[in-house]
């Protein structure tokens, strides 16, 4: 991760420690990976996966995905705060494509195992 991002995230983490969460509302964020029509991956964070995917699908979310539609959600994971989601996003964006593919495969395997366990 670049030095400037490490510093920025450190400052955000310190601020987060002093901030009080809204009462009764845990702050849950998600890291997600989309696959674009050209086969490329897009990584982002959000508080609402369905809303964000709808924005990407309609071309209103990011310049990158706007020209590479349709997109589909490949992977998502929860993070306890915005700061932790941003840290995780920086980590995943720095991964080479093979490592992102492995992360997606592992996520799919966990999802199918959980679905099999439900039955």
Protein backbone atom coordinates (compact mmCIF):
# COMPACT_ATOMS: atom_id res chain seq x y z
CA UNK A 1 0.00 0.00 0.00
CA UNK A 2 1.30 3.46 -0.82
CA UNK A 3 2.73 5.54 2.01
CA UNK A 4 0.16 8.34 1.62
CA UNK A 5 -2.73 5.86 1.92
CA UNK A 6 -1.22 4.27 5.02
CA UNK A 7 -1.01 7.68 6.67
CA UNK A 8 -4.56 8.61 5.64
CA UNK A 9 -5.95 5.34 7.00
CA UNK A 10 -4.03 5.72 10.27
CA UNK A 11 -5.62 9.15 10.79
CA UNK A 12 -9.08 7.75 9.97
CA UNK A 13 -8.61 4.90 12.45
CA UNK A 14 -7.69 7.36 15.21
CA UNK A 15 -10.77 9.48 14.48
CA UNK A 16 -12.95 6.38 14.45
CA UNK A 17 -11.79 5.41 17.94
CA UNK A 18 -13.04 8.71 19.38
CA UNK A 19 -16.33 8.75 17.47
CA UNK A 20 -19.39 7.31 19.14
CA UNK A 21 -21.57 5.08 16.94
CA UNK A 22 -25.24 5.91 16.60
CA UNK A 23 -27.12 4.20 19.37
CA UNK A 24 -28.58 0.86 18.34
CA UNK A 25 -27.08 1.02 14.85
CA UNK A 26 -23.97 -1.04 14.25
CA UNK A 27 -22.00 0.34 11.33
CA UNK A 28 -21.59 -2.52 8.86
CA UNK A 29 -19.76 -1.97 5.58
CA UNK A 30 -19.06 -4.34 2.72
CA UNK A 31 -16.13 -4.86 0.39
CA UNK A 32 -17.27 -6.16 -3.00
CA UNK A 33 -15.75 -7.34 -6.27
CA UNK A 34 -17.61 -6.98 -9.57
CA UNK A 35 -16.80 -8.61 -12.86
CA UNK A 36 -17.27 -6.27 -15.82
CA UNK A 37 -18.35 -7.27 -19.34
CA UNK A 38 -14.73 -7.05 -20.55
CA UNK A 39 -13.64 -9.54 -17.87
CA UNK A 40 -11.95 -6.97 -15.66
CA UNK A 41 -12.58 -6.71 -11.93
CA UNK A 42 -13.81 -3.68 -10.00
CA UNK A 43 -13.40 -3.49 -6.22
CA UNK A 44 -15.33 -1.11 -4.00
CA UNK A 45 -17.04 -0.61 -0.64
CA UNK A 46 -20.61 0.20 0.35
CA UNK A 47 -23.12 0.03 3.17
CA UNK A 48 -25.87 -1.33 0.88
CA UNK A 49 -24.87 -4.01 -1.65
CA UNK A 50 -28.17 -4.15 -3.53
CA UNK A 51 -28.36 -0.37 -3.98
CA UNK A 52 -24.72 -0.14 -5.07
CA UNK A 53 -25.05 -2.99 -7.58
CA UNK A 54 -28.16 -1.30 -9.02
CA UNK A 55 -26.15 1.91 -9.40
CA UNK A 56 -23.32 0.09 -11.20
CA UNK A 57 -25.83 -1.71 -13.43
CA UNK A 58 -27.54 1.55 -14.39
CA UNK A 59 -24.22 3.30 -15.09
CA UNK A 60 -24.46 5.77 -12.21
CA UNK A 61 -21.87 4.35 -9.80
CA UNK A 62 -18.41 4.79 -11.30
CA UNK A 63 -16.81 5.92 -14.51
CA UNK A 64 -14.90 2.63 -14.75
CA UNK A 65 -17.94 0.34 -14.68
CA UNK A 66 -20.13 2.72 -16.72
CA UNK A 67 -18.26 1.83 -19.90
CA UNK A 68 -17.93 -1.87 -19.02
CA UNK A 69 -21.53 -2.93 -18.41
CA UNK A 70 -23.13 -5.28 -17.68
CA UNK A 71 -21.48 -6.08 -14.35
CA UNK A 72 -22.11 -8.92 -11.93
CA UNK A 73 -21.32 -9.31 -8.26
CA UNK A 74 -18.68 -11.99 -7.74
CA UNK A 75 -17.75 -11.54 -4.11
CA UNK A 76 -18.52 -9.57 -0.98
CA UNK A 77 -17.41 -9.61 2.64
CA UNK A 78 -18.53 -7.63 5.65
CA UNK A 79 -16.34 -5.17 7.54
CA UNK A 80 -17.11 -3.71 10.97
CA UNK A 81 -16.51 -0.07 9.97
CA UNK A 82 -15.88 2.24 7.05
CA UNK A 83 -12.22 2.52 7.94
CA UNK A 84 -11.71 -1.24 8.04
CA UNK A 85 -13.56 -1.52 4.71
CA UNK A 86 -11.26 1.11 3.16
CA UNK A 87 -8.18 -0.67 4.50
CA UNK A 88 -9.42 -3.97 3.08
CA UNK A 89 -10.26 -2.31 -0.25
CA UNK A 90 -6.70 -0.97 -0.54
CA UNK A 91 -5.35 -4.44 0.22
CA UNK A 92 -7.55 -6.19 -2.34
CA UNK A 93 -6.96 -3.58 -5.04
CA UNK A 94 -3.23 -4.22 -4.67
CA UNK A 95 -3.69 -7.98 -5.21
CA UNK A 96 -2.70 -9.41 -8.58
CA UNK A 97 -5.59 -10.84 -10.59
CA UNK A 98 -4.81 -14.45 -9.61
CA UNK A 99 -5.10 -13.63 -5.94
CA UNK A 100 -8.44 -11.86 -6.52
CA UNK A 101 -9.67 -14.92 -8.42
CA UNK A 102 -8.65 -17.14 -5.48
CA UNK A 103 -10.52 -14.85 -3.09
CA UNK A 104 -13.64 -15.10 -5.26
CA UNK A 105 -13.36 -18.91 -5.48
CA UNK A 106 -12.92 -19.19 -1.71
CA UNK A 107 -15.97 -16.97 -1.18
CA UNK A 108 -18.06 -19.09 -3.56
CA UNK A 109 -16.94 -22.29 -1.82
CA UNK A 110 -17.91 -20.88 1.59
CA UNK A 111 -21.26 -19.74 0.21
CA UNK A 112 -22.11 -23.16 -1.25
CA UNK A 113 -21.01 -24.90 1.96
CA UNK A 114 -23.30 -22.63 3.98
CA UNK A 115 -26.21 -23.29 1.60
CA UNK A 116 -25.64 -27.07 1.81
CA UNK A 117 -25.56 -26.85 5.60
CA UNK A 118 -28.96 -25.07 5.61
CA UNK A 119 -30.69 -27.99 3.84
